[in-house]
Amino acid sequence: MKICIILNGEIKNYDYINSVILKGSYDYIICSDGGANHAYSMNIVPDYIIGDLDSVNGNIIEYYKSKKVKFEKFPTKKDETDTELCIELSDKLKAKEIHLIGALGGRIDHTIANINLLYYIRKRGITPKIISEKEEIYIAMDEEITIYGEIGDTISILPIKNDAKGVTLNNLEYPLDDYDMEFSRPLGISNVMTDVNCSIKVKEGSLIIIKNI
């Protein structure tokens, strides 16, 4: 089960993001509040629109109601963000993979919070990814993952939450073998893929992996 959540962050190239969504073969598309404005601009009819609906244009709400889209409206004052509510719904729908689109840009606090949501999602046993026009962002937690791309793609690997222990990097210009990465040092910035895939392993801790497209 693969789910796409469209957020209210920046999307500057609708044609590119629309093609990503169409190729994604998603079982469900969920809009987090103002993400519905982006969906409308890409002529995408989501399955759900969730949030307090304070950021969705009124005519768009009416349009999607006519398309029988399911709305779940919540109070403006609540503990969870609209995107957290979308993640909770995705979990109930038995998602195995969640892709966040429109998660970056705009306010820096929103961007940091959305990147941190990768940890929140992975703790639920779901594989997350952030997709934008310029990058794909992954997380590895006490595991080994493989990133696919092209020779020469730039990959940055950064510990989050704490130090990351036992980091091993293969098929990258600057490999590591069972290395302990300090949370406060940007050692993993701007590595380069030397093959069409690379493997990133962390024995203990969490890593954010950013592949520049």
N, C-alpha and C. Protein backbone atom coordinates (compact mmCIF):
# COMPACT_ATOMS: atom_id res chain seq x y z
N MET A 1 0.85 -1.19 0.00
CA MET A 1 0.00 0.00 0.00
C MET A 1 0.88 1.24 0.00
N LYS A 2 0.78 2.05 -1.04
CA LYS A 2 1.61 3.25 -1.18
C LYS A 2 0.71 4.48 -1.25
N ILE A 3 1.02 5.46 -0.41
CA ILE A 3 0.17 6.64 -0.28
C ILE A 3 0.99 7.90 -0.52
N CYS A 4 0.40 8.84 -1.24
CA CYS A 4 1.00 10.16 -1.48
C CYS A 4 0.25 11.19 -0.65
N ILE A 5 1.00 11.98 0.11
CA ILE A 5 0.41 13.09 0.87
C ILE A 5 0.93 14.40 0.26
N ILE A 6 0.02 15.26 -0.18
CA ILE A 6 0.39 16.55 -0.76
C ILE A 6 0.23 17.62 0.31
N LEU A 7 1.33 18.29 0.64
CA LEU A 7 1.34 19.32 1.67
C LEU A 7 1.23 20.71 1.04
N ASN A 8 1.25 21.73 1.89
CA ASN A 8 1.04 23.11 1.45
C ASN A 8 2.35 23.88 1.30
N GLY A 9 3.47 23.16 1.15
CA GLY A 9 4.76 23.84 0.94
C GLY A 9 4.90 24.28 -0.51
N GLU A 10 6.12 24.59 -0.90
CA GLU A 10 6.35 25.10 -2.25
C GLU A 10 6.35 23.99 -3.29
N ILE A 11 5.63 24.21 -4.38
CA ILE A 11 5.75 23.41 -5.59
C ILE A 11 5.85 24.41 -6.73
N LYS A 12 7.01 24.48 -7.35
CA LYS A 12 7.24 25.48 -8.39
C LYS A 12 7.07 24.92 -9.80
N ASN A 13 7.22 23.61 -9.94
CA ASN A 13 7.12 22.99 -11.26
C ASN A 13 6.00 21.96 -11.22
N TYR A 14 4.79 22.42 -11.49
CA TYR A 14 3.64 21.52 -11.42
C TYR A 14 3.73 20.38 -12.44
N ASP A 15 4.27 20.66 -13.62
CA ASP A 15 4.37 19.61 -14.64
C ASP A 15 5.23 18.46 -14.14
N TYR A 16 6.37 18.78 -13.52
CA TYR A 16 7.27 17.73 -13.03
C TYR A 16 6.62 16.95 -11.89
N ILE A 17 6.07 17.65 -10.92
CA ILE A 17 5.47 16.97 -9.77
C ILE A 17 4.24 16.16 -10.19
N ASN A 18 3.47 16.69 -11.13
CA ASN A 18 2.32 15.94 -11.63
C ASN A 18 2.77 14.62 -12.26
N SER A 19 3.87 14.66 -13.01
CA SER A 19 4.37 13.43 -13.64
C SER A 19 4.86 12.45 -12.58
N VAL A 20 5.47 12.96 -11.51
CA VAL A 20 5.91 12.09 -10.41
C VAL A 20 4.71 11.38 -9.78
N ILE A 21 3.65 12.13 -9.55
CA ILE A 21 2.46 11.55 -8.92
C ILE A 21 1.80 10.53 -9.84
N LEU A 22 1.70 10.85 -11.13
CA LEU A 22 1.07 9.93 -12.07
C LEU A 22 1.87 8.64 -12.21
N LYS A 23 3.20 8.75 -12.14
CA LYS A 23 4.05 7.55 -12.26
C LYS A 23 4.13 6.77 -10.95
N GLY A 24 3.67 7.39 -9.86
CA GLY A 24 3.84 6.78 -8.55
C GLY A 24 2.93 5.60 -8.27
N SER A 25 1.89 5.44 -9.07
CA SER A 25 0.93 4.34 -8.88
C SER A 25 0.47 4.26 -7.42
N TYR A 26 0.00 5.38 -6.89
CA TYR A 26 -0.40 5.45 -5.49
C TYR A 26 -1.79 4.82 -5.30
N ASP A 27 -1.94 4.14 -4.19
CA ASP A 27 -3.25 3.58 -3.86
C ASP A 27 -4.20 4.67 -3.36
N TYR A 28 -3.65 5.65 -2.66
CA TYR A 28 -4.45 6.78 -2.18
C TYR A 28 -3.63 8.06 -2.32
N ILE A 29 -4.32 9.17 -2.60
CA ILE A 29 -3.72 10.50 -2.56
C ILE A 29 -4.48 11.30 -1.51
N ILE A 30 -3.74 11.85 -0.55
CA ILE A 30 -4.33 12.60 0.56
C ILE A 30 -3.76 14.02 0.53
N CYS A 31 -4.61 15.01 0.63
CA CYS A 31 -4.15 16.40 0.71
C CYS A 31 -4.20 16.87 2.15
N SER A 32 -3.10 17.45 2.60
CA SER A 32 -3.04 18.07 3.91
C SER A 32 -3.44 19.53 3.76
N ASP A 33 -4.71 19.82 4.06
CA ASP A 33 -5.26 21.18 4.02
C ASP A 33 -4.92 21.89 2.71
N GLY A 34 -4.06 22.93 2.75
CA GLY A 34 -3.75 23.72 1.57
C GLY A 34 -3.08 22.96 0.45
N GLY A 35 -2.65 21.73 0.72
CA GLY A 35 -2.15 20.88 -0.36
C GLY A 35 -3.19 20.65 -1.44
N ALA A 36 -4.47 20.83 -1.06
CA ALA A 36 -5.55 20.69 -2.05
C ALA A 36 -5.45 21.75 -3.15
N ASN A 37 -4.92 22.93 -2.82
CA ASN A 37 -4.72 23.96 -3.84
C ASN A 37 -3.72 23.48 -4.89
N HIS A 38 -2.65 22.82 -4.42
CA HIS A 38 -1.67 22.26 -5.36
C HIS A 38 -2.30 21.17 -6.21
N ALA A 39 -3.06 20.28 -5.58
CA ALA A 39 -3.70 19.18 -6.32
C ALA A 39 -4.61 19.75 -7.41
N TYR A 40 -5.36 20.77 -7.07
CA TYR A 40 -6.26 21.41 -8.03
C TYR A 40 -5.49 21.98 -9.22
N SER A 41 -4.35 22.61 -8.92
CA SER A 41 -3.53 23.20 -9.99
C SER A 41 -2.94 22.14 -10.91
N MET A 42 -2.83 20.90 -10.40
CA MET A 42 -2.30 19.80 -11.21
C MET A 42 -3.40 18.90 -11.77
N ASN A 43 -4.66 19.34 -11.60
CA ASN A 43 -5.81 18.58 -12.09
C ASN A 43 -5.85 17.17 -11.50
N ILE A 44 -5.49 17.06 -10.23
CA ILE A 44 -5.50 15.79 -9.51
C ILE A 44 -6.69 15.77 -8.55
N VAL A 45 -7.45 14.70 -8.59
CA VAL A 45 -8.56 14.53 -7.65
C VAL A 45 -8.10 13.58 -6.55
N PRO A 46 -7.89 14.09 -5.33
CA PRO A 46 -7.41 13.24 -4.24
C PRO A 46 -8.54 12.37 -3.68
N ASP A 47 -8.15 11.43 -2.86
CA ASP A 47 -9.14 10.60 -2.18
C ASP A 47 -9.65 11.27 -0.90
N TYR A 48 -8.74 12.00 -0.22
CA TYR A 48 -9.09 12.66 1.04
C TYR A 48 -8.48 14.06 1.07
N ILE A 49 -9.18 14.97 1.75
CA ILE A 49 -8.62 16.27 2.12
C ILE A 49 -8.83 16.41 3.62
N ILE A 50 -7.72 16.66 4.35
CA ILE A 50 -7.76 16.62 5.81
C ILE A 50 -7.17 17.90 6.39
N GLY A 51 -7.79 18.41 7.45
CA GLY A 51 -7.24 19.56 8.15
C GLY A 51 -8.35 20.49 8.62
N ASP A 52 -7.93 21.69 9.05
CA ASP A 52 -8.93 22.67 9.47
C ASP A 52 -9.50 23.45 8.29
N LEU A 53 -8.92 23.23 7.10
CA LEU A 53 -9.39 23.80 5.83
C LEU A 53 -9.28 25.32 5.78
N ASP A 54 -8.39 25.88 6.60
CA ASP A 54 -8.23 27.33 6.61
C ASP A 54 -7.34 27.82 5.47
N SER A 55 -6.67 26.89 4.78
CA SER A 55 -5.75 27.29 3.70
C SER A 55 -6.25 26.88 2.32
N VAL A 56 -7.44 26.27 2.24
CA VAL A 56 -7.97 25.82 0.95
C VAL A 56 -8.95 26.86 0.41
N ASN A 57 -8.77 27.23 -0.85
CA ASN A 57 -9.69 28.18 -1.47
C ASN A 57 -11.11 27.61 -1.49
N GLY A 58 -12.09 28.47 -1.22
CA GLY A 58 -13.47 28.02 -1.12
C GLY A 58 -13.98 27.35 -2.38
N ASN A 59 -13.62 27.91 -3.55
CA ASN A 59 -14.10 27.32 -4.80
C ASN A 59 -13.52 25.93 -5.02
N ILE A 60 -12.31 25.71 -4.48
CA ILE A 60 -11.68 24.40 -4.61
C ILE A 60 -12.38 23.39 -3.71
N ILE A 61 -12.77 23.82 -2.52
CA ILE A 61 -13.53 22.94 -1.63
C ILE A 61 -14.82 22.49 -2.32
N GLU A 62 -15.53 23.43 -2.91
CA GLU A 62 -16.79 23.10 -3.58
C GLU A 62 -16.56 22.18 -4.77
N TYR A 63 -15.48 22.43 -5.51
CA TYR A 63 -15.17 21.58 -6.66
C TYR A 63 -14.92 20.14 -6.21
N TYR A 64 -14.11 19.98 -5.16
CA TYR A 64 -13.80 18.62 -4.72
C TYR A 64 -14.99 17.94 -4.05
N LYS A 65 -15.87 18.71 -3.44
CA LYS A 65 -17.10 18.11 -2.92
C LYS A 65 -17.94 17.54 -4.06
N SER A 66 -17.95 18.26 -5.19
CA SER A 66 -18.70 17.78 -6.35
C SER A 66 -18.08 16.52 -6.94
N LYS A 67 -16.80 16.31 -6.66
CA LYS A 67 -16.10 15.12 -7.14
C LYS A 67 -16.13 13.98 -6.12
N LYS A 68 -16.91 14.18 -5.04
CA LYS A 68 -17.09 13.15 -4.01
C LYS A 68 -15.81 12.83 -3.25
N VAL A 69 -14.90 13.82 -3.17
CA VAL A 69 -13.69 13.64 -2.34
C VAL A 69 -14.12 13.62 -0.88
N LYS A 70 -13.47 12.77 -0.09
CA LYS A 70 -13.80 12.67 1.33
C LYS A 70 -13.06 13.76 2.11
N PHE A 71 -13.81 14.53 2.88
CA PHE A 71 -13.24 15.59 3.71
C PHE A 71 -13.27 15.15 5.17
N GLU A 72 -12.18 15.43 5.89
CA GLU A 72 -12.15 15.25 7.33
C GLU A 72 -11.69 16.57 7.94
N LYS A 73 -12.63 17.31 8.49
CA LYS A 73 -12.35 18.65 9.02
C LYS A 73 -12.09 18.58 10.51
N PHE A 74 -11.03 19.29 10.94
CA PHE A 74 -10.63 19.31 12.34
C PHE A 74 -10.57 20.76 12.83
N PRO A 75 -10.65 20.96 14.14
CA PRO A 75 -10.54 22.33 14.68
C PRO A 75 -9.18 22.95 14.38
N THR A 76 -9.14 24.26 14.28
CA THR A 76 -7.86 24.95 14.07
C THR A 76 -6.93 24.74 15.25
N LYS A 77 -7.48 24.80 16.47
CA LYS A 77 -6.68 24.59 17.68
C LYS A 77 -6.67 23.10 18.02
N LYS A 78 -5.54 22.45 17.76
CA LYS A 78 -5.40 21.03 18.01
C LYS A 78 -3.94 20.72 18.25
N ASP A 79 -3.66 19.56 18.84
CA ASP A 79 -2.27 19.19 19.13
C ASP A 79 -1.52 18.74 17.88
N GLU A 80 -2.20 18.06 16.96
CA GLU A 80 -1.54 17.52 15.78
C GLU A 80 -1.56 18.54 14.63
N THR A 81 -0.52 18.50 13.81
CA THR A 81 -0.57 19.27 12.58
C THR A 81 -1.47 18.54 11.58
N ASP A 82 -1.87 19.24 10.53
CA ASP A 82 -2.70 18.61 9.51
C ASP A 82 -1.98 17.42 8.87
N THR A 83 -0.68 17.54 8.69
CA THR A 83 0.07 16.45 8.07
C THR A 83 0.15 15.23 8.99
N GLU A 84 0.29 15.46 10.29
CA GLU A 84 0.24 14.33 11.22
C GLU A 84 -1.09 13.58 11.10
N LEU A 85 -2.18 14.32 10.94
CA LEU A 85 -3.49 13.68 10.79
C LEU A 85 -3.54 12.86 9.50
N CYS A 86 -2.89 13.36 8.46
CA CYS A 86 -2.81 12.60 7.20
C CYS A 86 -2.01 11.31 7.39
N ILE A 87 -0.95 11.40 8.18
CA ILE A 87 -0.12 10.21 8.44
C ILE A 87 -0.91 9.19 9.25
N GLU A 88 -1.66 9.67 10.24
CA GLU A 88 -2.48 8.76 11.04
C GLU A 88 -3.50 8.04 10.17
N LEU A 89 -4.12 8.76 9.24
CA LEU A 89 -5.07 8.12 8.32
C LEU A 89 -4.35 7.11 7.45
N SER A 90 -3.17 7.46 6.95
CA SER A 90 -2.39 6.54 6.11
C SER A 90 -2.08 5.25 6.85
N ASP A 91 -1.75 5.39 8.14
CA ASP A 91 -1.48 4.22 8.97
C ASP A 91 -2.74 3.34 9.07
N LYS A 92 -3.89 3.97 9.28
CA LYS A 92 -5.15 3.23 9.36
C LYS A 92 -5.47 2.52 8.04
N LEU A 93 -5.02 3.13 6.94
CA LEU A 93 -5.24 2.53 5.62
C LEU A 93 -4.21 1.45 5.29
N LYS A 94 -3.34 1.14 6.27
CA LYS A 94 -2.34 0.07 6.14
C LYS A 94 -1.22 0.42 5.16
N ALA A 95 -0.82 1.70 5.15
CA ALA A 95 0.27 2.12 4.27
C ALA A 95 1.57 1.41 4.63
N LYS A 96 2.28 0.99 3.62
CA LYS A 96 3.63 0.46 3.78
C LYS A 96 4.67 1.50 3.35
N GLU A 97 4.22 2.47 2.54
CA GLU A 97 5.12 3.49 2.02
C GLU A 97 4.33 4.79 1.90
N ILE A 98 4.96 5.90 2.35
CA ILE A 98 4.35 7.22 2.27
C ILE A 98 5.32 8.18 1.59
N HIS A 99 4.85 8.87 0.57
CA HIS A 99 5.64 9.91 -0.07
C HIS A 99 5.01 11.26 0.24
N LEU A 100 5.83 12.19 0.73
CA LEU A 100 5.39 13.55 1.04
C LEU A 100 5.81 14.49 -0.08
N ILE A 101 4.86 15.22 -0.62
CA ILE A 101 5.12 16.17 -1.71
C ILE A 101 4.64 17.54 -1.26
N GLY A 102 5.41 18.59 -1.59
CA GLY A 102 5.09 19.92 -1.11
C GLY A 102 5.47 20.10 0.35
N ALA A 103 6.49 19.36 0.78
CA ALA A 103 6.90 19.38 2.20
C ALA A 103 8.00 20.40 2.48
N LEU A 104 8.60 20.98 1.43
CA LEU A 104 9.76 21.85 1.61
C LEU A 104 9.43 23.27 1.13
N GLY A 105 10.33 24.19 1.46
CA GLY A 105 10.16 25.57 1.01
C GLY A 105 9.23 26.35 1.91
N GLY A 106 9.16 27.65 1.67
CA GLY A 106 8.32 28.50 2.51
C GLY A 106 8.94 28.69 3.88
N ARG A 107 8.15 28.55 4.92
CA ARG A 107 8.63 28.77 6.28
C ARG A 107 9.61 27.68 6.70
N ILE A 108 10.75 28.09 7.26
CA ILE A 108 11.80 27.14 7.63
C ILE A 108 11.33 26.22 8.76
N ASP A 109 10.47 26.72 9.67
CA ASP A 109 10.00 25.86 10.75
C ASP A 109 9.15 24.71 10.20
N HIS A 110 8.33 25.01 9.19
CA HIS A 110 7.53 23.96 8.56
C HIS A 110 8.42 22.95 7.85
N THR A 111 9.46 23.44 7.17
CA THR A 111 10.37 22.54 6.46
C THR A 111 11.07 21.59 7.42
N ILE A 112 11.61 22.13 8.52
CA ILE A 112 12.29 21.28 9.50
C ILE A 112 11.31 20.29 10.11
N ALA A 113 10.11 20.76 10.46
CA ALA A 113 9.11 19.87 11.05
C ALA A 113 8.75 18.74 10.09
N ASN A 114 8.63 19.05 8.80
CA ASN A 114 8.26 18.01 7.83
C ASN A 114 9.38 17.01 7.61
N ILE A 115 10.63 17.46 7.64
CA ILE A 115 11.75 16.52 7.54
C ILE A 115 11.77 15.62 8.76
N ASN A 116 11.51 16.19 9.94
CA ASN A 116 11.47 15.37 11.16
C ASN A 116 10.33 14.35 11.13
N LEU A 117 9.29 14.63 10.34
CA LEU A 117 8.19 13.67 10.23
C LEU A 117 8.63 12.35 9.61
N LEU A 118 9.74 12.36 8.88
CA LEU A 118 10.26 11.10 8.34
C LEU A 118 10.55 10.12 9.48
N TYR A 119 11.09 10.65 10.58
CA TYR A 119 11.38 9.82 11.76
C TYR A 119 10.07 9.32 12.36
N TYR A 120 9.10 10.21 12.46
CA TYR A 120 7.79 9.87 13.02
C TYR A 120 7.13 8.75 12.21
N ILE A 121 7.23 8.85 10.90
CA ILE A 121 6.63 7.83 10.02
C ILE A 121 7.38 6.51 10.12
N ARG A 122 8.71 6.58 10.11
CA ARG A 122 9.51 5.34 10.12
C ARG A 122 9.30 4.59 11.42
N LYS A 123 9.09 5.31 12.54
CA LYS A 123 8.83 4.65 13.82
C LYS A 123 7.55 3.83 13.77
N ARG A 124 6.64 4.18 12.89
CA ARG A 124 5.40 3.43 12.73
C ARG A 124 5.58 2.20 11.84
N GLY A 125 6.79 1.97 11.37
CA GLY A 125 7.04 0.81 10.51
C GLY A 125 6.71 1.07 9.05
N ILE A 126 6.57 2.34 8.68
CA ILE A 126 6.25 2.73 7.31
C ILE A 126 7.48 3.39 6.69
N THR A 127 7.73 3.11 5.43
CA THR A 127 8.89 3.69 4.73
C THR A 127 8.49 5.03 4.11
N PRO A 128 9.13 6.14 4.54
CA PRO A 128 8.77 7.45 4.02
C PRO A 128 9.80 8.01 3.04
N LYS A 129 9.34 8.97 2.25
CA LYS A 129 10.24 9.72 1.37
C LYS A 129 9.62 11.08 1.09
N ILE A 130 10.45 12.12 1.08
CA ILE A 130 10.04 13.46 0.64
C ILE A 130 10.52 13.64 -0.79
N ILE A 131 9.63 14.14 -1.65
CA ILE A 131 9.98 14.37 -3.05
C ILE A 131 9.72 15.83 -3.38
N SER A 132 10.71 16.48 -3.99
CA SER A 132 10.52 17.83 -4.53
C SER A 132 11.12 17.86 -5.93
N GLU A 133 11.08 19.05 -6.55
CA GLU A 133 11.67 19.17 -7.89
C GLU A 133 13.18 19.02 -7.85
N LYS A 134 13.80 19.25 -6.70
CA LYS A 134 15.26 19.30 -6.62
C LYS A 134 15.89 18.18 -5.82
N GLU A 135 15.10 17.51 -4.96
CA GLU A 135 15.71 16.50 -4.12
C GLU A 135 14.71 15.42 -3.72
N GLU A 136 15.28 14.29 -3.30
CA GLU A 136 14.53 13.24 -2.64
C GLU A 136 15.18 13.02 -1.28
N ILE A 137 14.38 12.91 -0.24
CA ILE A 137 14.91 12.79 1.12
C ILE A 137 14.40 11.50 1.74
N TYR A 138 15.34 10.71 2.27
CA TYR A 138 15.05 9.41 2.86
C TYR A 138 15.52 9.41 4.32
N ILE A 139 15.14 8.35 5.04
CA ILE A 139 15.66 8.15 6.39
C ILE A 139 16.05 6.69 6.56
N ALA A 140 17.15 6.47 7.28
CA ALA A 140 17.58 5.13 7.66
C ALA A 140 17.66 5.08 9.18
N MET A 141 17.02 4.06 9.79
CA MET A 141 17.01 3.91 11.24
C MET A 141 17.42 2.49 11.60
N ASP A 142 18.63 2.35 12.12
CA ASP A 142 19.13 1.04 12.55
C ASP A 142 18.97 0.01 11.43
N GLU A 143 19.36 0.37 10.22
CA GLU A 143 19.11 -0.51 9.08
C GLU A 143 20.04 -0.14 7.92
N GLU A 144 19.92 -0.90 6.84
CA GLU A 144 20.63 -0.61 5.60
C GLU A 144 19.60 -0.35 4.51
N ILE A 145 19.79 0.73 3.76
CA ILE A 145 18.88 1.02 2.65
C ILE A 145 19.70 1.25 1.39
N THR A 146 19.05 1.07 0.25
CA THR A 146 19.68 1.29 -1.05
C THR A 146 19.00 2.47 -1.72
N ILE A 147 19.81 3.40 -2.23
CA ILE A 147 19.32 4.56 -2.95
C ILE A 147 19.68 4.38 -4.42
N TYR A 148 18.69 4.59 -5.29
CA TYR A 148 18.91 4.44 -6.73
C TYR A 148 18.98 5.81 -7.39
N GLY A 149 19.84 5.93 -8.39
CA GLY A 149 20.00 7.18 -9.10
C GLY A 149 20.90 7.01 -10.29
N GLU A 150 21.76 8.00 -10.50
CA GLU A 150 22.70 7.98 -11.62
C GLU A 150 24.11 8.25 -11.10
N ILE A 151 25.10 7.74 -11.83
CA ILE A 151 26.49 8.05 -11.49
C ILE A 151 26.68 9.57 -11.51
N GLY A 152 27.25 10.10 -10.44
CA GLY A 152 27.45 11.54 -10.34
C GLY A 152 26.41 12.26 -9.52
N ASP A 153 25.32 11.58 -9.16
CA ASP A 153 24.32 12.22 -8.30
C ASP A 153 24.94 12.56 -6.94
N THR A 154 24.55 13.72 -6.42
CA THR A 154 25.04 14.16 -5.11
C THR A 154 24.16 13.61 -3.99
N ILE A 155 24.81 13.02 -3.00
CA ILE A 155 24.12 12.44 -1.86
C ILE A 155 24.71 13.04 -0.58
N SER A 156 23.85 13.54 0.29
CA SER A 156 24.30 14.01 1.60
C SER A 156 23.68 13.14 2.68
N ILE A 157 24.50 12.76 3.66
CA ILE A 157 24.06 11.87 4.73
C ILE A 157 24.31 12.57 6.06
N LEU A 158 23.23 12.79 6.84
CA LEU A 158 23.35 13.55 8.08
C LEU A 158 22.67 12.81 9.22
N PRO A 159 23.35 12.68 10.36
CA PRO A 159 22.68 12.11 11.54
C PRO A 159 21.59 13.05 12.03
N ILE A 160 20.51 12.48 12.53
CA ILE A 160 19.49 13.29 13.19
C ILE A 160 19.22 12.70 14.57
N LYS A 161 18.77 13.53 15.46
CA LYS A 161 18.36 13.15 16.81
C LYS A 161 19.55 12.90 17.73
N ASN A 162 20.62 12.25 17.21
CA ASN A 162 21.79 11.94 18.02
C ASN A 162 22.90 11.47 17.10
N ASP A 163 24.03 11.05 17.68
CA ASP A 163 25.09 10.47 16.87
C ASP A 163 24.59 9.19 16.21
N ALA A 164 25.15 8.89 15.04
CA ALA A 164 24.82 7.67 14.32
C ALA A 164 26.04 6.75 14.35
N LYS A 165 25.87 5.55 14.86
CA LYS A 165 26.99 4.65 15.07
C LYS A 165 27.01 3.52 14.04
N GLY A 166 28.24 3.17 13.64
CA GLY A 166 28.42 2.06 12.71
C GLY A 166 27.91 2.36 11.32
N VAL A 167 28.25 3.53 10.79
CA VAL A 167 27.79 3.93 9.46
C VAL A 167 28.73 3.35 8.40
N THR A 168 28.13 2.69 7.42
CA THR A 168 28.89 2.13 6.30
C THR A 168 28.27 2.63 5.00
N LEU A 169 29.10 3.22 4.13
CA LEU A 169 28.66 3.75 2.85
C LEU A 169 29.39 3.03 1.73
N ASN A 170 28.63 2.52 0.76
CA ASN A 170 29.21 1.84 -0.40
C ASN A 170 28.72 2.48 -1.69
N ASN A 171 29.56 2.40 -2.72
CA ASN A 171 29.28 2.97 -4.04
C ASN A 171 29.12 4.49 -3.98
N LEU A 172 29.92 5.09 -3.10
CA LEU A 172 30.00 6.54 -3.01
C LEU A 172 31.46 6.96 -3.07
N GLU A 173 31.71 8.15 -3.58
CA GLU A 173 33.10 8.63 -3.77
C GLU A 173 33.86 8.66 -2.46
N TYR A 174 33.16 8.96 -1.37
CA TYR A 174 33.79 8.97 -0.04
C TYR A 174 33.11 7.89 0.80
N PRO A 175 33.63 6.66 0.76
CA PRO A 175 33.00 5.57 1.50
C PRO A 175 33.33 5.65 2.99
N LEU A 176 32.55 4.95 3.77
CA LEU A 176 32.81 4.80 5.19
C LEU A 176 32.62 3.33 5.56
N ASP A 177 33.34 2.90 6.59
CA ASP A 177 33.21 1.52 7.05
C ASP A 177 33.06 1.51 8.57
N ASP A 178 31.86 1.24 9.03
CA ASP A 178 31.59 1.11 10.46
C ASP A 178 32.05 2.36 11.23
N TYR A 179 31.67 3.53 10.72
CA TYR A 179 32.13 4.81 11.25
C TYR A 179 31.04 5.43 12.12
N ASP A 180 31.46 6.06 13.21
CA ASP A 180 30.52 6.76 14.08
C ASP A 180 30.45 8.23 13.67
N MET A 181 29.28 8.66 13.20
CA MET A 181 29.09 10.04 12.74
C MET A 181 28.50 10.88 13.87
N GLU A 182 29.14 12.01 14.12
CA GLU A 182 28.66 12.91 15.16
C GLU A 182 27.50 13.75 14.65
N PHE A 183 26.49 13.89 15.49
CA PHE A 183 25.30 14.65 15.14
C PHE A 183 25.64 16.09 14.76
N SER A 184 26.63 16.67 15.39
CA SER A 184 26.93 18.10 15.23
C SER A 184 27.88 18.41 14.07
N ARG A 185 28.41 17.36 13.40
CA ARG A 185 29.40 17.60 12.33
C ARG A 185 28.83 17.19 10.97
N PRO A 186 28.93 18.08 9.95
CA PRO A 186 28.38 17.79 8.63
C PRO A 186 29.33 16.99 7.74
N LEU A 187 29.88 15.92 8.28
CA LEU A 187 30.86 15.12 7.53
C LEU A 187 30.28 14.55 6.24
N GLY A 188 28.99 14.21 6.26
CA GLY A 188 28.41 13.50 5.12
C GLY A 188 27.86 14.37 4.01
N ILE A 189 28.15 15.67 4.04
CA ILE A 189 27.62 16.57 3.02
C ILE A 189 28.29 16.32 1.67
N SER A 190 27.50 16.34 0.60
CA SER A 190 27.98 16.35 -0.79
C SER A 190 28.88 15.18 -1.15
N ASN A 191 28.41 13.97 -0.86
CA ASN A 191 29.06 12.78 -1.39
C ASN A 191 28.54 12.57 -2.82
N VAL A 192 29.14 11.63 -3.54
CA VAL A 192 28.81 11.45 -4.96
C VAL A 192 28.65 9.97 -5.28
N MET A 193 27.57 9.62 -5.97
CA MET A 193 27.35 8.23 -6.35
C MET A 193 28.33 7.81 -7.44
N THR A 194 28.93 6.63 -7.27
CA THR A 194 29.86 6.09 -8.26
C THR A 194 29.24 4.95 -9.04
N ASP A 195 27.99 4.66 -8.79
CA ASP A 195 27.24 3.63 -9.50
C ASP A 195 25.78 4.07 -9.54
N VAL A 196 24.93 3.26 -10.15
CA VAL A 196 23.52 3.63 -10.26
C VAL A 196 22.75 3.37 -8.97
N ASN A 197 23.42 2.80 -7.99
CA ASN A 197 22.83 2.67 -6.66
C ASN A 197 23.93 2.75 -5.62
N CYS A 198 23.55 3.11 -4.41
CA CYS A 198 24.50 3.12 -3.30
C CYS A 198 23.80 2.57 -2.07
N SER A 199 24.57 1.99 -1.17
CA SER A 199 23.99 1.45 0.06
C SER A 199 24.47 2.27 1.25
N ILE A 200 23.55 2.48 2.18
CA ILE A 200 23.81 3.28 3.38
C ILE A 200 23.32 2.47 4.57
N LYS A 201 24.24 2.17 5.47
CA LYS A 201 23.90 1.33 6.63
C LYS A 201 24.25 2.07 7.91
N VAL A 202 23.36 1.99 8.89
CA VAL A 202 23.63 2.54 10.22
C VAL A 202 23.23 1.48 11.24
N LYS A 203 24.17 1.11 12.08
CA LYS A 203 23.90 0.08 13.08
C LYS A 203 23.03 0.59 14.23
N GLU A 204 23.30 1.85 14.63
CA GLU A 204 22.56 2.42 15.75
C GLU A 204 22.38 3.91 15.54
N GLY A 205 21.12 4.33 15.44
CA GLY A 205 20.84 5.74 15.22
C GLY A 205 20.05 5.96 13.94
N SER A 206 19.98 7.23 13.56
CA SER A 206 19.16 7.60 12.41
C SER A 206 19.94 8.54 11.49
N LEU A 207 19.72 8.36 10.19
CA LEU A 207 20.37 9.20 9.18
C LEU A 207 19.31 9.76 8.23
N ILE A 208 19.44 11.05 7.93
CA ILE A 208 18.68 11.63 6.84
C ILE A 208 19.57 11.59 5.61
N ILE A 209 19.00 11.09 4.49
CA ILE A 209 19.75 11.00 3.23
C ILE A 209 19.07 11.88 2.20
N ILE A 210 19.82 12.80 1.64
CA ILE A 210 19.28 13.75 0.66
C ILE A 210 19.97 13.52 -0.68
N LYS A 211 19.18 13.11 -1.67
CA LYS A 211 19.72 12.96 -3.03
C LYS A 211 19.26 14.13 -3.87
N ASN A 212 20.22 14.89 -4.38
CA ASN A 212 19.89 16.01 -5.26
C ASN A 212 19.61 15.49 -6.67
N ILE A 213 18.51 15.94 -7.21
CA ILE A 213 18.10 15.49 -8.55
C ILE A 213 18.71 16.38 -9.62
